[in-house]
Amino acid sequence: MPVVQIELFEGRTLDQKRKLVEKVTNAIVESVNCPPDAVTIILRDMKPENYARAGKLWSDTR
């Protein structure tokens, strides 16, 4: 049973999330030959102040 965790910045619409999980599920089904109901996807919305790159918070780079 594949389990995928995807972290996104807050602000994605419900429709964008629906499209994302559908496409990711299809890619896993095709890649590892499993049924769609065996795929679990966990989406996590992150606030930009909870992510940093190169020593700077993402919220400070905007």
PDB file of N, CA and C in Angstrom:
ATOM      1  N   MET A   1       0.831  -1.171   0.000  1.00  0.00           N
ATOM      2  CA  MET A   1       0.000   0.000   0.000  1.00  0.00           C
ATOM      3  C   MET A   1       0.883   1.243   0.000  1.00  0.00           C
ATOM      4  N   PRO A   2       1.000   1.946  -1.104  1.00  0.00           N
ATOM      5  CA  PRO A   2       1.797   3.163  -1.147  1.00  0.00           C
ATOM      6  C   PRO A   2       1.151   4.283  -0.329  1.00  0.00           C
ATOM      7  N   VAL A   3       1.981   4.961   0.453  1.00  0.00           N
ATOM      8  CA  VAL A   3       1.554   6.139   1.200  1.00  0.00           C
ATOM      9  C   VAL A   3       2.456   7.291   0.786  1.00  0.00           C
ATOM     10  N   VAL A   4       1.845   8.374   0.335  1.00  0.00           N
ATOM     11  CA  VAL A   4       2.588   9.542  -0.143  1.00  0.00           C
ATOM     12  C   VAL A   4       2.203  10.738   0.719  1.00  0.00           C
ATOM     13  N   GLN A   5       3.214  11.488   1.152  1.00  0.00           N
ATOM     14  CA  GLN A   5       2.963  12.717   1.889  1.00  0.00           C
ATOM     15  C   GLN A   5       3.441  13.885   1.041  1.00  0.00           C
ATOM     16  N   ILE A   6       2.583  14.875   0.858  1.00  0.00           N
ATOM     17  CA  ILE A   6       2.902  16.041   0.044  1.00  0.00           C
ATOM     18  C   ILE A   6       2.709  17.279   0.900  1.00  0.00           C
ATOM     19  N   GLU A   7       3.750  18.093   0.964  1.00  0.00           N
ATOM     20  CA  GLU A   7       3.661  19.339   1.713  1.00  0.00           C
ATOM     21  C   GLU A   7       3.561  20.494   0.732  1.00  0.00           C
ATOM     22  N   LEU A   8       2.584  21.354   0.973  1.00  0.00           N
ATOM     23  CA  LEU A   8       2.308  22.501   0.108  1.00  0.00           C
ATOM     24  C   LEU A   8       2.233  23.755   0.953  1.00  0.00           C
ATOM     25  N   PHE A   9       2.533  24.885   0.344  1.00  0.00           N
ATOM     26  CA  PHE A   9       2.240  26.135   1.024  1.00  0.00           C
ATOM     27  C   PHE A   9       0.736  26.328   1.033  1.00  0.00           C
ATOM     28  N   GLU A  10       0.233  26.932   2.091  1.00  0.00           N
ATOM     29  CA  GLU A  10      -1.192  27.240   2.166  1.00  0.00           C
ATOM     30  C   GLU A  10      -1.606  28.064   0.955  1.00  0.00           C
ATOM     31  N   GLY A  11      -2.872  27.966   0.602  1.00  0.00           N
ATOM     32  CA  GLY A  11      -3.393  28.806  -0.466  1.00  0.00           C
ATOM     33  C   GLY A  11      -3.834  28.048  -1.707  1.00  0.00           C
ATOM     34  N   ARG A  12      -3.581  26.748  -1.750  1.00  0.00           N
ATOM     35  CA  ARG A  12      -4.075  25.965  -2.884  1.00  0.00           C
ATOM     36  C   ARG A  12      -5.583  25.792  -2.742  1.00  0.00           C
ATOM     37  N   THR A  13      -6.274  25.824  -3.860  1.00  0.00           N
ATOM     38  CA  THR A  13      -7.722  25.647  -3.819  1.00  0.00           C
ATOM     39  C   THR A  13      -8.066  24.168  -3.683  1.00  0.00           C
ATOM     40  N   LEU A  14      -9.290  23.904  -3.305  1.00  0.00           N
ATOM     41  CA  LEU A  14      -9.769  22.537  -3.195  1.00  0.00           C
ATOM     42  C   LEU A  14      -9.702  21.840  -4.556  1.00  0.00           C
ATOM     43  N   ASP A  15     -10.039  22.545  -5.618  1.00  0.00           N
ATOM     44  CA  ASP A  15      -9.956  21.961  -6.960  1.00  0.00           C
ATOM     45  C   ASP A  15      -8.519  21.608  -7.328  1.00  0.00           C
ATOM     46  N   GLN A  16      -7.560  22.448  -6.968  1.00  0.00           N
ATOM     47  CA  GLN A  16      -6.152  22.136  -7.242  1.00  0.00           C
ATOM     48  C   GLN A  16      -5.724  20.881  -6.487  1.00  0.00           C
ATOM     49  N   LYS A  17      -6.163  20.762  -5.254  1.00  0.00           N
ATOM     50  CA  LYS A  17      -5.817  19.575  -4.462  1.00  0.00           C
ATOM     51  C   LYS A  17      -6.471  18.321  -5.044  1.00  0.00           C
ATOM     52  N   ARG A  18      -7.700  18.447  -5.493  1.00  0.00           N
ATOM     53  CA  ARG A  18      -8.369  17.295  -6.123  1.00  0.00           C
ATOM     54  C   ARG A  18      -7.607  16.823  -7.355  1.00  0.00           C
ATOM     55  N   LYS A  19      -7.213  17.772  -8.177  1.00  0.00           N
ATOM     56  CA  LYS A  19      -6.475  17.436  -9.391  1.00  0.00           C
ATOM     57  C   LYS A  19      -5.128  16.794  -9.046  1.00  0.00           C
ATOM     58  N   LEU A  20      -4.442  17.341  -8.047  1.00  0.00           N
ATOM     59  CA  LEU A  20      -3.147  16.812  -7.638  1.00  0.00           C
ATOM     60  C   LEU A  20      -3.253  15.364  -7.170  1.00  0.00           C
ATOM     61  N   VAL A  21      -4.205  15.082  -6.258  1.00  0.00           N
ATOM     62  CA  VAL A  21      -4.293  13.713  -5.744  1.00  0.00           C
ATOM     63  C   VAL A  21      -4.746  12.727  -6.816  1.00  0.00           C
ATOM     64  N   GLU A  22      -5.561  13.182  -7.745  1.00  0.00           N
ATOM     65  CA  GLU A  22      -5.970  12.297  -8.844  1.00  0.00           C
ATOM     66  C   GLU A  22      -4.768  11.929  -9.716  1.00  0.00           C
ATOM     67  N   LYS A  23      -3.975  12.927 -10.073  1.00  0.00           N
ATOM     68  CA  LYS A  23      -2.827  12.661 -10.952  1.00  0.00           C
ATOM     69  C   LYS A  23      -1.736  11.857 -10.247  1.00  0.00           C
ATOM     70  N   VAL A  24      -1.487  12.154  -8.990  1.00  0.00           N
ATOM     71  CA  VAL A  24      -0.479  11.402  -8.238  1.00  0.00           C
ATOM     72  C   VAL A  24      -0.938   9.954  -8.075  1.00  0.00           C
ATOM     73  N   THR A  25      -2.202   9.753  -7.752  1.00  0.00           N
ATOM     74  CA  THR A  25      -2.737   8.395  -7.629  1.00  0.00           C
ATOM     75  C   THR A  25      -2.578   7.632  -8.939  1.00  0.00           C
ATOM     76  N   ASN A  26      -2.939   8.255 -10.053  1.00  0.00           N
ATOM     77  CA  ASN A  26      -2.810   7.595 -11.357  1.00  0.00           C
ATOM     78  C   ASN A  26      -1.360   7.245 -11.663  1.00  0.00           C
ATOM     79  N   ALA A  27      -0.432   8.123 -11.326  1.00  0.00           N
ATOM     80  CA  ALA A  27       0.988   7.853 -11.584  1.00  0.00           C
ATOM     81  C   ALA A  27       1.470   6.660 -10.758  1.00  0.00           C
ATOM     82  N   ILE A  28       1.035   6.583  -9.516  1.00  0.00           N
ATOM     83  CA  ILE A  28       1.436   5.452  -8.672  1.00  0.00           C
ATOM     84  C   ILE A  28       0.817   4.154  -9.173  1.00  0.00           C
ATOM     85  N   VAL A  29      -0.464   4.201  -9.519  1.00  0.00           N
ATOM     86  CA  VAL A  29      -1.144   3.006 -10.037  1.00  0.00           C
ATOM     87  C   VAL A  29      -0.416   2.473 -11.267  1.00  0.00           C
ATOM     88  N   GLU A  30      -0.060   3.359 -12.182  1.00  0.00           N
ATOM     89  CA  GLU A  30       0.641   2.946 -13.407  1.00  0.00           C
ATOM     90  C   GLU A  30       2.058   2.463 -13.113  1.00  0.00           C
ATOM     91  N   SER A  31       2.733   3.081 -12.161  1.00  0.00           N
ATOM     92  CA  SER A  31       4.134   2.758 -11.888  1.00  0.00           C
ATOM     93  C   SER A  31       4.324   1.448 -11.132  1.00  0.00           C
ATOM     94  N   VAL A  32       3.484   1.210 -10.135  1.00  0.00           N
ATOM     95  CA  VAL A  32       3.691   0.025  -9.296  1.00  0.00           C
ATOM     96  C   VAL A  32       2.588  -1.020  -9.442  1.00  0.00           C
ATOM     97  N   ASN A  33       1.678  -0.777 -10.384  1.00  0.00           N
ATOM     98  CA  ASN A  33       0.639  -1.755 -10.704  1.00  0.00           C
ATOM     99  C   ASN A  33      -0.174  -2.154  -9.474  1.00  0.00           C
ATOM    100  N   CYS A  34      -0.778  -1.156  -8.844  1.00  0.00           N
ATOM    101  CA  CYS A  34      -1.649  -1.425  -7.701  1.00  0.00           C
ATOM    102  C   CYS A  34      -3.006  -0.779  -7.964  1.00  0.00           C
ATOM    103  N   PRO A  35      -4.027  -1.208  -7.264  1.00  0.00           N
ATOM    104  CA  PRO A  35      -5.336  -0.588  -7.446  1.00  0.00           C
ATOM    105  C   PRO A  35      -5.363   0.811  -6.812  1.00  0.00           C
ATOM    106  N   PRO A  36      -6.174   1.702  -7.343  1.00  0.00           N
ATOM    107  CA  PRO A  36      -6.248   3.059  -6.793  1.00  0.00           C
ATOM    108  C   PRO A  36      -6.617   3.096  -5.314  1.00  0.00           C
ATOM    109  N   ASP A  37      -7.444   2.155  -4.864  1.00  0.00           N
ATOM    110  CA  ASP A  37      -7.839   2.188  -3.457  1.00  0.00           C
ATOM    111  C   ASP A  37      -6.730   1.745  -2.505  1.00  0.00           C
ATOM    112  N   ALA A  38      -5.598   1.318  -3.050  1.00  0.00           N
ATOM    113  CA  ALA A  38      -4.444   0.983  -2.221  1.00  0.00           C
ATOM    114  C   ALA A  38      -3.542   2.195  -1.978  1.00  0.00           C
ATOM    115  N   VAL A  39      -3.811   3.298  -2.674  1.00  0.00           N
ATOM    116  CA  VAL A  39      -2.962   4.494  -2.590  1.00  0.00           C
ATOM    117  C   VAL A  39      -3.539   5.454  -1.552  1.00  0.00           C
ATOM    118  N   THR A  40      -2.688   5.858  -0.621  1.00  0.00           N
ATOM    119  CA  THR A  40      -3.064   6.847   0.386  1.00  0.00           C
ATOM    120  C   THR A  40      -2.188   8.084   0.189  1.00  0.00           C
ATOM    121  N   ILE A  41      -2.819   9.253   0.179  1.00  0.00           N
ATOM    122  CA  ILE A  41      -2.089  10.506   0.019  1.00  0.00           C
ATOM    123  C   ILE A  41      -2.443  11.418   1.186  1.00  0.00           C
ATOM    124  N   ILE A  42      -1.414  11.967   1.809  1.00  0.00           N
ATOM    125  CA  ILE A  42      -1.594  12.907   2.905  1.00  0.00           C
ATOM    126  C   ILE A  42      -1.096  14.264   2.435  1.00  0.00           C
ATOM    127  N   LEU A  43      -1.987  15.254   2.438  1.00  0.00           N
ATOM    128  CA  LEU A  43      -1.611  16.622   2.071  1.00  0.00           C
ATOM    129  C   LEU A  43      -1.430  17.429   3.349  1.00  0.00           C
ATOM    130  N   ARG A  44      -0.344  18.180   3.396  1.00  0.00           N
ATOM    131  CA  ARG A  44      -0.095  19.044   4.546  1.00  0.00           C
ATOM    132  C   ARG A  44       0.094  20.467   4.047  1.00  0.00           C
ATOM    133  N   ASP A  45      -0.738  21.359   4.555  1.00  0.00           N
ATOM    134  CA  ASP A  45      -0.600  22.770   4.223  1.00  0.00           C
ATOM    135  C   ASP A  45       0.372  23.418   5.199  1.00  0.00           C
ATOM    136  N   MET A  46       1.409  24.021   4.651  1.00  0.00           N
ATOM    137  CA  MET A  46       2.415  24.690   5.469  1.00  0.00           C
ATOM    138  C   MET A  46       2.263  26.196   5.376  1.00  0.00           C
ATOM    139  N   LYS A  47       2.462  26.856   6.475  1.00  0.00           N
ATOM    140  CA  LYS A  47       2.553  28.304   6.441  1.00  0.00           C
ATOM    141  C   LYS A  47       3.956  28.662   5.958  1.00  0.00           C
ATOM    142  N   PRO A  48       4.101  29.707   5.153  1.00  0.00           N
ATOM    143  CA  PRO A  48       5.417  30.076   4.636  1.00  0.00           C
ATOM    144  C   PRO A  48       6.457  30.346   5.729  1.00  0.00           C
ATOM    145  N   GLU A  49       6.011  30.729   6.923  1.00  0.00           N
ATOM    146  CA  GLU A  49       6.983  30.968   7.990  1.00  0.00           C
ATOM    147  C   GLU A  49       7.483  29.683   8.631  1.00  0.00           C
ATOM    148  N   ASN A  50       6.953  28.540   8.193  1.00  0.00           N
ATOM    149  CA  ASN A  50       7.407  27.254   8.709  1.00  0.00           C
ATOM    150  C   ASN A  50       8.324  26.519   7.729  1.00  0.00           C
ATOM    151  N   TYR A  51       8.845  27.228   6.744  1.00  0.00           N
ATOM    152  CA  TYR A  51       9.727  26.636   5.738  1.00  0.00           C
ATOM    153  C   TYR A  51      10.894  27.586   5.512  1.00  0.00           C
ATOM    154  N   ALA A  52      12.086  27.036   5.420  1.00  0.00           N
ATOM    155  CA  ALA A  52      13.269  27.873   5.188  1.00  0.00           C
ATOM    156  C   ALA A  52      14.164  27.227   4.149  1.00  0.00           C
ATOM    157  N   ARG A  53      14.864  28.091   3.408  1.00  0.00           N
ATOM    158  CA  ARG A  53      15.862  27.620   2.451  1.00  0.00           C
ATOM    159  C   ARG A  53      17.013  28.610   2.475  1.00  0.00           C
ATOM    160  N   ALA A  54      18.204  28.078   2.466  1.00  0.00           N
ATOM    161  CA  ALA A  54      19.420  28.891   2.447  1.00  0.00           C
ATOM    162  C   ALA A  54      19.465  29.867   3.639  1.00  0.00           C
ATOM    163  N   GLY A  55      18.969  29.407   4.777  1.00  0.00           N
ATOM    164  CA  GLY A  55      19.047  30.205   5.992  1.00  0.00           C
ATOM    165  C   GLY A  55      18.026  31.311   6.126  1.00  0.00           C
ATOM    166  N   LYS A  56      17.029  31.323   5.247  1.00  0.00           N
ATOM    167  CA  LYS A  56      16.005  32.367   5.296  1.00  0.00           C
ATOM    168  C   LYS A  56      14.618  31.732   5.274  1.00  0.00           C
ATOM    169  N   LEU A  57      13.734  32.293   6.092  1.00  0.00           N
ATOM    170  CA  LEU A  57      12.349  31.842   6.045  1.00  0.00           C
ATOM    171  C   LEU A  57      11.735  32.234   4.708  1.00  0.00           C
ATOM    172  N   TRP A  58      10.930  31.338   4.197  1.00  0.00           N
ATOM    173  CA  TRP A  58      10.286  31.613   2.897  1.00  0.00           C
ATOM    174  C   TRP A  58       9.417  32.867   2.981  1.00  0.00           C
ATOM    175  N   SER A  59       8.772  33.079   4.130  1.00  0.00           N
ATOM    176  CA  SER A  59       7.922  34.246   4.294  1.00  0.00           C
ATOM    177  C   SER A  59       8.717  35.556   4.233  1.00  0.00           C
ATOM    178  N   ASP A  60      10.015  35.509   4.539  1.00  0.00           N
ATOM    179  CA  ASP A  60      10.852  36.710   4.497  1.00  0.00           C
ATOM    180  C   ASP A  60      11.416  36.990   3.115  1.00  0.00           C
ATOM    181  N   THR A  61      11.276  36.063   2.199  1.00  0.00           N
ATOM    182  CA  THR A  61      11.847  36.242   0.862  1.00  0.00           C
ATOM    183  C   THR A  61      10.842  36.795  -0.129  1.00  0.00           C
ATOM    184  N   ARG A  62       9.634  36.998   0.307  1.00  0.00           N
ATOM    185  CA  ARG A  62       8.585  37.493  -0.595  1.00  0.00           C
ATOM    186  C   ARG A  62       8.576  38.977  -0.644  1.00  0.00           C
TER     187      ARG A  62
END
